[in-house]
Amino acid sequence: MPKPLQTILAQIAAGKPPQVVMVGGGSEFLAERAFRDVRDALAAATPGLNVESFEPGSELAAILDSYRTMSLFGGARLLIVPEVNAFVSAKELASLYEKAESDWRSAKSDRKRVTSAAKLLHVLGLVGADLEMTDRQIAGALGVNLEGPLADMLAFCRASGKKATRGEDDAALLMEAITRGGAPRTTLLLRTGEIPKDSATVELIDRHGAVISCDLSREDFVAALEHAVGEMAGEAGVKFEPGSASTVSLLTSSLATFPTCVPSSQRRNGSSRWPEAMDV
């Protein structure tokens, strides 16, 4: 489950930053502000922090290679990735695993088990896991428990000498990096748009780090509008008197709902027009 921004900021201030943080959501304003807050908190909590920012559209493979590489001087590092859209559907992942498990349960011969193992190895590749990991680590990456046939399936795969198939897409690369973790004292800060609700990638990041989802609530609306008014005023070279921006945003938000608040007895002939006293 996504975590509140203040919880993550407190964790960072306590010297225990998550190794990976993803920020996104339906509100561009709130997500961008949260992204800056996390970045600034990490910098403030870690003097001498080495910050490496990547341009939007940078090759994810190169970013993740840097994430796994130890700093030359051993200092703390922050890798900022402003655009990430590499997600694997949790539904698709669960379906593939269930098919492999079903084939294993129904197998009457090693030939059938080989087919099941091949499907399992494909799923392991999608979540960035491999047979060198412990059974418990693999189960955690898959989001399943070891009470089923998974342990037997993994033992069969190891005995066969085959390895997990590595997907070449960004989602597989990202999930592998998150599962294995980065270099010591390295934090990966990711920025995305709307966060998919049914994503194995997001669930994995949340288990190994933190996901912050920023959606605009009624309480946040006025603050977001005031910020937008201030930005437009700055671009236009207009300076508001103290409190004016708040007044404008409050008035605008009130006008947005005003017609529905006017009693029908005060409308003209039952229309949705405002009362006479409000006409301009």
Protein backbone atom coordinates (compact mmCIF):
# COMPACT_ATOMS: atom_id res chain seq x y z
CA MET A 1 0.00 0.00 0.00
CA PRO A 2 1.26 3.52 -0.79
CA LYS A 3 2.69 5.31 2.23
CA PRO A 4 1.94 8.88 3.40
CA LEU A 5 4.56 11.44 2.41
CA GLN A 6 5.11 12.55 6.01
CA THR A 7 5.90 8.97 7.05
CA ILE A 8 8.65 8.74 4.43
CA LEU A 9 10.05 12.17 5.34
CA ALA A 10 10.21 11.15 9.02
CA GLN A 11 11.96 7.92 8.05
CA ILE A 12 14.54 9.88 6.05
CA ALA A 13 15.07 12.38 8.89
CA ALA A 14 15.71 9.44 11.23
CA GLY A 15 18.54 8.29 9.00
CA LYS A 16 16.66 5.28 7.61
CA PRO A 17 15.78 6.23 4.02
CA PRO A 18 14.07 3.60 1.83
CA GLN A 19 16.42 2.24 -0.82
CA VAL A 20 13.90 3.03 -3.54
CA VAL A 21 11.08 5.60 -3.57
CA MET A 22 8.49 6.00 -6.30
CA VAL A 23 6.34 9.15 -6.43
CA GLY A 24 3.33 9.56 -8.70
CA GLY A 25 -0.44 9.97 -8.75
CA GLY A 26 -3.28 11.79 -10.40
CA SER A 27 -2.21 15.27 -9.26
CA GLU A 28 0.80 16.59 -11.14
CA PHE A 29 1.13 19.47 -8.67
CA LEU A 30 1.07 17.31 -5.53
CA ALA A 31 3.32 14.63 -7.04
CA GLU A 32 5.91 17.18 -8.14
CA ARG A 33 5.86 18.83 -4.72
CA ALA A 34 6.23 15.45 -2.96
CA PHE A 35 9.05 14.51 -5.31
CA ARG A 36 10.92 17.72 -4.43
CA ASP A 37 10.22 17.22 -0.70
CA VAL A 38 11.73 13.72 -0.75
CA ARG A 39 14.73 14.88 -2.76
CA ASP A 40 15.37 17.84 -0.45
CA ALA A 41 14.90 15.69 2.67
CA LEU A 42 17.45 13.16 1.43
CA ALA A 43 19.94 15.94 0.68
CA ALA A 44 19.41 17.58 4.07
CA ALA A 45 19.77 14.30 5.98
CA THR A 46 22.95 13.26 4.15
CA PRO A 47 25.71 15.90 3.98
CA GLY A 48 27.94 15.36 0.97
CA LEU A 49 25.27 13.38 -0.86
CA ASN A 50 26.27 12.71 -4.47
CA VAL A 51 23.21 13.46 -6.62
CA GLU A 52 22.98 12.03 -10.13
CA SER A 53 20.01 13.21 -12.20
CA PHE A 54 18.95 11.50 -15.42
CA GLU A 55 17.14 13.16 -18.29
CA PRO A 56 13.62 11.97 -19.20
CA GLY A 57 13.91 9.21 -21.76
CA SER A 58 17.30 8.00 -20.48
CA GLU A 59 17.96 4.31 -21.05
CA LEU A 60 16.70 2.47 -17.99
CA ALA A 61 19.34 -0.26 -18.29
CA ALA A 62 22.12 2.32 -17.86
CA ILE A 63 20.34 3.90 -14.87
CA LEU A 64 19.96 0.54 -13.14
CA ASP A 65 23.59 -0.35 -13.83
CA SER A 66 24.55 2.85 -12.02
CA TYR A 67 22.15 1.94 -9.18
CA ARG A 68 23.96 -1.35 -8.64
CA THR A 69 27.47 0.12 -8.92
CA MET A 70 29.41 1.03 -5.78
CA SER A 71 30.47 4.66 -5.46
CA LEU A 72 34.17 5.15 -6.22
CA PHE A 73 34.70 7.00 -2.94
CA GLY A 74 32.13 5.08 -0.91
CA GLY A 75 29.84 8.08 -0.28
CA ALA A 76 26.05 8.16 -0.27
CA ARG A 77 24.38 8.53 -3.67
CA LEU A 78 20.96 9.63 -4.87
CA LEU A 79 19.84 8.66 -8.37
CA ILE A 80 16.94 10.79 -9.65
CA VAL A 81 14.84 9.34 -12.47
CA PRO A 82 12.12 11.84 -13.53
CA GLU A 83 10.18 9.53 -15.85
CA VAL A 84 9.44 5.84 -15.27
CA ASN A 85 6.73 3.84 -17.02
CA ALA A 86 7.93 0.25 -16.63
CA PHE A 87 5.18 -1.84 -15.09
CA VAL A 88 4.12 -5.48 -15.16
CA SER A 89 0.47 -6.30 -14.53
CA ALA A 90 -0.02 -8.20 -11.30
CA LYS A 91 -2.95 -10.01 -12.91
CA GLU A 92 -0.79 -11.20 -15.80
CA LEU A 93 1.98 -12.29 -13.44
CA ALA A 94 -0.42 -14.22 -11.19
CA SER A 95 -1.99 -15.90 -14.22
CA LEU A 96 1.38 -17.09 -15.53
CA TYR A 97 2.42 -18.46 -12.14
CA GLU A 98 -0.92 -20.21 -11.60
CA LYS A 99 -0.55 -21.89 -14.99
CA ALA A 100 2.92 -23.17 -14.11
CA GLU A 101 1.68 -24.43 -10.73
CA SER A 102 -1.37 -26.10 -12.29
CA ASP A 103 0.79 -27.91 -14.85
CA TRP A 104 3.09 -29.09 -12.05
CA ARG A 105 0.23 -30.45 -9.94
CA SER A 106 -1.21 -32.37 -12.89
CA ALA A 107 2.15 -33.66 -14.17
CA LYS A 108 2.48 -37.45 -14.37
CA SER A 109 5.91 -37.48 -16.02
CA ASP A 110 9.17 -35.51 -16.02
CA ARG A 111 8.37 -34.28 -19.52
CA LYS A 112 5.31 -32.49 -18.19
CA ARG A 113 7.33 -31.19 -15.25
CA VAL A 114 9.92 -29.76 -17.66
CA THR A 115 7.13 -27.79 -19.33
CA SER A 116 5.95 -26.48 -15.97
CA ALA A 117 9.52 -25.57 -14.96
CA ALA A 118 10.01 -23.61 -18.18
CA LYS A 119 6.93 -21.53 -17.38
CA LEU A 120 8.16 -20.93 -13.84
CA LEU A 121 11.58 -19.83 -15.09
CA HIS A 122 9.85 -17.33 -17.40
CA VAL A 123 7.90 -15.89 -14.45
CA LEU A 124 11.09 -15.65 -12.39
CA GLY A 125 12.66 -13.64 -15.20
CA LEU A 126 9.73 -11.21 -15.22
CA VAL A 127 10.13 -10.45 -11.51
CA GLY A 128 13.93 -10.27 -11.68
CA ALA A 129 14.51 -13.41 -9.59
CA ASP A 130 16.81 -16.36 -10.28
CA LEU A 131 17.66 -19.76 -8.83
CA GLU A 132 20.66 -18.43 -6.89
CA MET A 133 18.22 -16.78 -4.51
CA THR A 134 16.72 -18.65 -1.57
CA ASP A 135 13.26 -20.17 -1.87
CA ARG A 136 11.91 -17.58 0.57
CA GLN A 137 13.39 -14.69 -1.43
CA ILE A 138 11.85 -16.06 -4.63
CA ALA A 139 8.47 -16.52 -2.95
CA GLY A 140 8.66 -12.91 -1.77
CA ALA A 141 9.43 -11.68 -5.29
CA LEU A 142 6.47 -13.65 -6.64
CA GLY A 143 4.17 -12.58 -3.82
CA VAL A 144 3.29 -16.21 -2.93
CA ASN A 145 4.00 -18.48 0.02
CA LEU A 146 5.99 -21.69 0.22
CA GLU A 147 3.11 -23.86 1.40
CA GLY A 148 2.29 -24.95 -2.16
CA PRO A 149 4.49 -26.82 -4.65
CA LEU A 150 6.86 -23.90 -5.24
CA ALA A 151 9.75 -25.43 -3.26
CA ASP A 152 9.53 -28.69 -5.24
CA MET A 153 9.31 -26.78 -8.51
CA LEU A 154 12.41 -24.76 -7.66
CA ALA A 155 14.34 -27.88 -6.67
CA PHE A 156 13.44 -29.47 -10.02
CA CYS A 157 14.54 -26.31 -11.89
CA ARG A 158 17.89 -26.27 -10.06
CA ALA A 159 18.47 -29.96 -10.80
CA SER A 160 17.81 -29.36 -14.49
CA GLY A 161 20.64 -26.82 -14.65
CA LYS A 162 18.49 -24.28 -16.49
CA LYS A 163 18.29 -20.60 -15.59
CA ALA A 164 15.54 -18.01 -15.42
CA THR A 165 14.87 -16.39 -18.77
CA ARG A 166 15.62 -12.68 -18.67
CA GLY A 167 13.06 -10.40 -20.25
CA GLU A 168 14.65 -7.52 -22.14
CA ASP A 169 11.90 -4.98 -21.52
CA ASP A 170 12.21 -2.18 -18.97
CA ALA A 171 9.70 -3.76 -16.57
CA ALA A 172 11.81 -6.91 -16.20
CA LEU A 173 14.99 -4.88 -15.74
CA LEU A 174 13.41 -2.66 -13.10
CA MET A 175 11.95 -5.56 -11.16
CA GLU A 176 15.30 -7.37 -11.19
CA ALA A 177 17.08 -4.28 -9.84
CA ILE A 178 14.49 -3.78 -7.08
CA THR A 179 14.58 -7.45 -6.08
CA ARG A 180 18.38 -7.60 -5.89
CA GLY A 181 18.80 -4.11 -4.42
CA GLY A 182 21.28 -1.40 -5.25
CA ALA A 183 24.77 -0.62 -4.08
CA PRO A 184 25.21 0.27 -0.38
CA ARG A 185 24.14 3.84 0.54
CA THR A 186 22.45 4.31 -2.83
CA THR A 187 18.87 5.58 -3.08
CA LEU A 188 16.76 5.41 -6.23
CA LEU A 189 14.13 8.16 -6.51
CA LEU A 190 11.59 7.50 -9.26
CA ARG A 191 8.93 9.81 -10.68
CA THR A 192 5.97 8.48 -12.60
CA GLY A 193 2.48 9.59 -13.61
CA GLU A 194 -0.68 7.81 -12.50
CA ILE A 195 0.25 4.76 -10.45
CA PRO A 196 -1.33 1.56 -11.82
CA LYS A 197 -3.60 -0.10 -9.26
CA ASP A 198 -2.90 -3.62 -10.52
CA SER A 199 0.86 -3.64 -10.95
CA ALA A 200 3.32 -6.25 -9.73
CA THR A 201 6.10 -3.70 -10.22
CA VAL A 202 4.48 -1.18 -7.88
CA GLU A 203 3.80 -3.88 -5.27
CA LEU A 204 7.45 -4.97 -5.43
CA ILE A 205 8.72 -1.40 -5.00
CA ASP A 206 6.36 -0.93 -2.06
CA ARG A 207 7.69 -4.08 -0.37
CA HIS A 208 11.33 -3.13 -0.85
CA GLY A 209 11.00 0.64 -0.45
CA ALA A 210 8.15 3.14 -0.61
CA VAL A 211 5.43 4.23 -3.01
CA ILE A 212 3.88 7.68 -2.56
CA SER A 213 0.60 8.24 -4.40
CA CYS A 214 -0.51 11.87 -4.75
CA ASP A 215 -4.16 12.36 -5.67
CA LEU A 216 -6.01 15.65 -5.35
CA SER A 217 -8.52 15.70 -2.48
CA ARG A 218 -11.04 18.40 -1.62
CA GLU A 219 -8.70 19.64 1.10
CA ASP A 220 -5.77 19.91 -1.32
CA PHE A 221 -7.71 21.69 -4.06
CA VAL A 222 -7.45 25.27 -2.75
CA ALA A 223 -3.72 24.92 -2.05
CA ALA A 224 -3.13 23.54 -5.54
CA LEU A 225 -5.21 26.31 -7.11
CA GLU A 226 -3.43 28.99 -5.10
CA HIS A 227 -0.09 27.61 -6.26
CA ALA A 228 -1.26 27.66 -9.89
CA VAL A 229 -2.53 31.24 -9.53
CA GLY A 230 0.83 32.26 -8.07
CA GLU A 231 2.74 30.63 -10.92
CA MET A 232 0.59 32.31 -13.58
CA ALA A 233 0.96 35.64 -11.82
CA GLY A 234 4.73 35.21 -11.78
CA GLU A 235 4.83 34.39 -15.48
CA ALA A 236 2.68 37.43 -16.25
CA GLY A 237 4.77 39.72 -14.04
CA VAL A 238 1.81 40.45 -11.75
CA LYS A 239 2.30 40.84 -8.01
CA PHE A 240 -0.58 40.12 -5.64
CA GLU A 241 -1.01 41.95 -2.36
CA PRO A 242 -0.60 39.67 0.71
CA GLY A 243 -3.62 37.38 0.95
CA SER A 244 -4.91 38.22 -2.52
CA ALA A 245 -3.90 34.90 -4.04
CA SER A 246 -5.76 33.04 -1.29
CA THR A 247 -8.82 35.20 -1.86
CA VAL A 248 -8.76 34.56 -5.62
CA SER A 249 -8.39 30.81 -5.21
CA LEU A 250 -11.09 30.63 -2.53
CA LEU A 251 -13.49 32.70 -4.63
CA THR A 252 -12.80 30.56 -7.71
CA SER A 253 -13.37 27.31 -5.85
CA SER A 254 -16.58 28.70 -4.35
CA LEU A 255 -17.91 29.86 -7.72
CA ALA A 256 -17.32 26.40 -9.12
CA THR A 257 -20.06 25.02 -6.84
CA PHE A 258 -22.19 28.14 -6.25
CA PRO A 259 -25.05 27.50 -8.74
CA THR A 260 -25.88 24.20 -7.03
CA CYS A 261 -26.03 25.99 -3.66
CA VAL A 262 -28.59 28.65 -4.64
CA PRO A 263 -32.11 27.81 -3.37
CA SER A 264 -34.55 27.25 -6.19
CA SER A 265 -36.80 29.98 -4.74
CA GLN A 266 -34.08 32.54 -5.45
CA ARG A 267 -33.62 31.56 -9.09
CA ARG A 268 -35.41 33.28 -11.94
CA ASN A 269 -38.37 31.25 -13.13
CA GLY A 270 -36.78 28.05 -11.95
CA SER A 271 -33.67 28.58 -14.07
CA SER A 272 -30.12 28.06 -12.83
CA ARG A 273 -29.30 31.78 -13.04
CA TRP A 274 -28.08 33.52 -9.91
CA PRO A 275 -30.39 35.85 -7.92
CA GLU A 276 -30.85 39.45 -9.05
CA ALA A 277 -28.48 40.69 -6.36
CA MET A 278 -25.71 38.57 -7.82
CA ASP A 279 -26.09 39.72 -11.44
CA VAL A 280 -23.15 41.69 -12.82
